[in-house]
Amino acid sequence: MARGNQRDKAREANQKKLADQKKHNTMSGTEMQREKEKVAQKMREKQAAADAKKAAGVAEAANKK
């Protein structure tokens, strides 16, 4: 039965090691900044599309009156 316990302990240690790896940031400062800018640009594009759609809906409602 000792082997089963050893296997469980090894599994727990491995899971802890993998969790620690996920916590750490692997990007450098410039890489992180580029990624932030890329995400911000996508969000600006989505917001502009939503604003255009909203404006089109308002214009269409005004034309129906």
N, C-alpha and C. Protein backbone atom coordinates (compact mmCIF):
# COMPACT_ATOMS: atom_id res chain seq x y z
N MET A 1 0.81 -1.20 0.00
CA MET A 1 0.00 0.00 0.00
C MET A 1 0.85 1.27 0.00
N ALA A 2 2.09 1.12 0.29
CA ALA A 2 2.96 2.30 0.33
C ALA A 2 3.07 2.94 -1.04
N ARG A 3 3.02 2.12 -2.07
CA ARG A 3 3.15 2.68 -3.41
C ARG A 3 1.98 3.58 -3.76
N GLY A 4 0.78 3.21 -3.34
CA GLY A 4 -0.39 4.05 -3.60
C GLY A 4 -0.25 5.40 -2.95
N ASN A 5 0.23 5.41 -1.72
CA ASN A 5 0.45 6.66 -1.00
C ASN A 5 1.52 7.49 -1.69
N GLN A 6 2.58 6.82 -2.13
CA GLN A 6 3.67 7.52 -2.82
C GLN A 6 3.15 8.15 -4.11
N ARG A 7 2.30 7.43 -4.82
CA ARG A 7 1.72 7.93 -6.06
C ARG A 7 0.85 9.16 -5.79
N ASP A 8 0.05 9.08 -4.72
CA ASP A 8 -0.80 10.22 -4.36
C ASP A 8 0.04 11.44 -4.00
N LYS A 9 1.09 11.22 -3.24
CA LYS A 9 1.97 12.33 -2.84
C LYS A 9 2.64 12.95 -4.07
N ALA A 10 3.08 12.12 -4.99
CA ALA A 10 3.72 12.62 -6.21
C ALA A 10 2.73 13.41 -7.04
N ARG A 11 1.49 12.92 -7.12
CA ARG A 11 0.45 13.62 -7.88
C ARG A 11 0.18 14.99 -7.26
N GLU A 12 0.06 15.04 -5.94
CA GLU A 12 -0.17 16.32 -5.25
C GLU A 12 0.97 17.30 -5.48
N ALA A 13 2.20 16.80 -5.41
CA ALA A 13 3.37 17.66 -5.63
C ALA A 13 3.38 18.19 -7.06
N ASN A 14 3.03 17.33 -8.01
CA ASN A 14 3.01 17.75 -9.41
C ASN A 14 1.93 18.79 -9.65
N GLN A 15 0.75 18.61 -9.06
CA GLN A 15 -0.32 19.58 -9.21
C GLN A 15 0.07 20.93 -8.61
N LYS A 16 0.74 20.89 -7.48
CA LYS A 16 1.20 22.13 -6.84
C LYS A 16 2.22 22.84 -7.73
N LYS A 17 3.12 22.06 -8.33
CA LYS A 17 4.14 22.64 -9.22
C LYS A 17 3.49 23.28 -10.44
N LEU A 18 2.51 22.61 -11.03
CA LEU A 18 1.82 23.16 -12.19
C LEU A 18 1.03 24.41 -11.83
N ALA A 19 0.42 24.42 -10.66
CA ALA A 19 -0.32 25.60 -10.22
C ALA A 19 0.63 26.79 -10.03
N ASP A 20 1.80 26.54 -9.50
CA ASP A 20 2.78 27.61 -9.32
C ASP A 20 3.25 28.15 -10.66
N GLN A 21 3.39 27.28 -11.66
CA GLN A 21 3.80 27.73 -12.98
C GLN A 21 2.74 28.62 -13.60
N LYS A 22 1.48 28.33 -13.37
CA LYS A 22 0.40 29.12 -13.96
C LYS A 22 0.34 30.51 -13.33
N LYS A 23 0.76 30.63 -12.09
CA LYS A 23 0.71 31.91 -11.40
C LYS A 23 1.72 32.91 -11.95
N HIS A 24 2.85 32.42 -12.37
CA HIS A 24 3.94 33.30 -12.78
C HIS A 24 3.70 33.89 -14.16
N ASN A 25 4.07 35.13 -14.30
CA ASN A 25 3.96 35.81 -15.58
C ASN A 25 5.22 35.52 -16.39
N THR A 26 5.05 35.03 -17.59
CA THR A 26 6.20 34.69 -18.41
C THR A 26 6.53 35.78 -19.43
N MET A 27 5.72 36.82 -19.50
CA MET A 27 5.96 37.88 -20.48
C MET A 27 6.86 38.96 -19.89
N SER A 28 7.67 39.55 -20.75
CA SER A 28 8.47 40.69 -20.33
C SER A 28 7.59 41.93 -20.31
N GLY A 29 8.12 43.03 -19.85
CA GLY A 29 7.35 44.26 -19.76
C GLY A 29 6.86 44.75 -21.10
N THR A 30 7.70 44.69 -22.12
CA THR A 30 7.29 45.17 -23.43
C THR A 30 6.25 44.24 -24.06
N GLU A 31 6.42 42.94 -23.83
CA GLU A 31 5.43 41.99 -24.36
C GLU A 31 4.08 42.21 -23.69
N MET A 32 4.10 42.44 -22.39
CA MET A 32 2.86 42.69 -21.66
C MET A 32 2.19 43.96 -22.17
N GLN A 33 2.97 45.00 -22.41
CA GLN A 33 2.42 46.26 -22.91
C GLN A 33 1.81 46.09 -24.30
N ARG A 34 2.51 45.34 -25.18
CA ARG A 34 1.97 45.08 -26.51
C ARG A 34 0.65 44.32 -26.44
N GLU A 35 0.59 43.34 -25.55
CA GLU A 35 -0.64 42.55 -25.41
C GLU A 35 -1.78 43.42 -24.89
N LYS A 36 -1.48 44.30 -23.94
CA LYS A 36 -2.51 45.21 -23.42
C LYS A 36 -3.02 46.13 -24.51
N GLU A 37 -2.12 46.65 -25.32
CA GLU A 37 -2.51 47.54 -26.42
C GLU A 37 -3.37 46.80 -27.44
N LYS A 38 -3.01 45.55 -27.73
CA LYS A 38 -3.76 44.76 -28.70
C LYS A 38 -5.19 44.51 -28.19
N VAL A 39 -5.32 44.17 -26.93
CA VAL A 39 -6.64 43.93 -26.34
C VAL A 39 -7.44 45.23 -26.30
N ALA A 40 -6.78 46.33 -25.95
CA ALA A 40 -7.47 47.62 -25.89
C ALA A 40 -7.97 48.03 -27.28
N GLN A 41 -7.18 47.78 -28.31
CA GLN A 41 -7.60 48.11 -29.67
C GLN A 41 -8.82 47.29 -30.08
N LYS A 42 -8.83 46.01 -29.74
CA LYS A 42 -9.99 45.17 -30.05
C LYS A 42 -11.23 45.70 -29.36
N MET A 43 -11.08 46.11 -28.11
CA MET A 43 -12.23 46.63 -27.36
C MET A 43 -12.72 47.94 -27.96
N ARG A 44 -11.79 48.79 -28.42
CA ARG A 44 -12.20 50.04 -29.07
C ARG A 44 -12.99 49.75 -30.34
N GLU A 45 -12.53 48.76 -31.12
CA GLU A 45 -13.24 48.39 -32.35
C GLU A 45 -14.63 47.86 -32.05
N LYS A 46 -14.74 47.02 -31.02
CA LYS A 46 -16.05 46.49 -30.65
C LYS A 46 -16.98 47.60 -30.19
N GLN A 47 -16.43 48.55 -29.43
CA GLN A 47 -17.25 49.66 -28.94
C GLN A 47 -17.70 50.54 -30.10
N ALA A 48 -16.81 50.79 -31.07
CA ALA A 48 -17.17 51.60 -32.22
C ALA A 48 -18.26 50.91 -33.04
N ALA A 49 -18.16 49.59 -33.18
CA ALA A 49 -19.19 48.85 -33.92
C ALA A 49 -20.53 48.92 -33.18
N ALA A 50 -20.50 48.81 -31.86
CA ALA A 50 -21.73 48.89 -31.08
C ALA A 50 -22.34 50.29 -31.18
N ASP A 51 -21.50 51.30 -31.14
CA ASP A 51 -21.99 52.68 -31.26
C ASP A 51 -22.61 52.92 -32.63
N ALA A 52 -21.98 52.39 -33.68
CA ALA A 52 -22.51 52.55 -35.03
C ALA A 52 -23.85 51.83 -35.17
N LYS A 53 -23.95 50.66 -34.60
CA LYS A 53 -25.20 49.90 -34.66
C LYS A 53 -26.31 50.65 -33.91
N LYS A 54 -25.95 51.21 -32.77
CA LYS A 54 -26.92 51.96 -31.98
C LYS A 54 -27.37 53.21 -32.74
N ALA A 55 -26.42 53.91 -33.36
CA ALA A 55 -26.74 55.11 -34.12
C ALA A 55 -27.63 54.76 -35.32
N ALA A 56 -27.37 53.64 -35.95
CA ALA A 56 -28.19 53.22 -37.09
C ALA A 56 -29.61 52.91 -36.63
N GLY A 57 -29.74 52.32 -35.47
CA GLY A 57 -31.06 52.03 -34.93
C GLY A 57 -31.82 53.28 -34.60
N VAL A 58 -31.16 54.27 -34.05
CA VAL A 58 -31.80 55.55 -33.73
C VAL A 58 -32.21 56.27 -35.00
N ALA A 59 -31.35 56.26 -36.01
CA ALA A 59 -31.64 56.92 -37.28
C ALA A 59 -32.83 56.22 -37.97
N GLU A 60 -32.86 54.90 -37.88
CA GLU A 60 -33.96 54.17 -38.51
C GLU A 60 -35.27 54.47 -37.79
N ALA A 61 -35.24 54.60 -36.50
CA ALA A 61 -36.45 54.92 -35.73
C ALA A 61 -36.90 56.33 -36.05
N ALA A 62 -35.98 57.25 -36.28
CA ALA A 62 -36.34 58.63 -36.61
C ALA A 62 -36.96 58.70 -38.00
N ASN A 63 -36.51 57.86 -38.92
CA ASN A 63 -37.06 57.86 -40.28
C ASN A 63 -38.46 57.29 -40.32
N LYS A 64 -38.81 56.42 -39.39
CA LYS A 64 -40.13 55.81 -39.38
C LYS A 64 -41.20 56.76 -38.90
N LYS A 65 -40.82 57.80 -38.17
CA LYS A 65 -41.81 58.74 -37.62
C LYS A 65 -42.37 59.64 -38.64
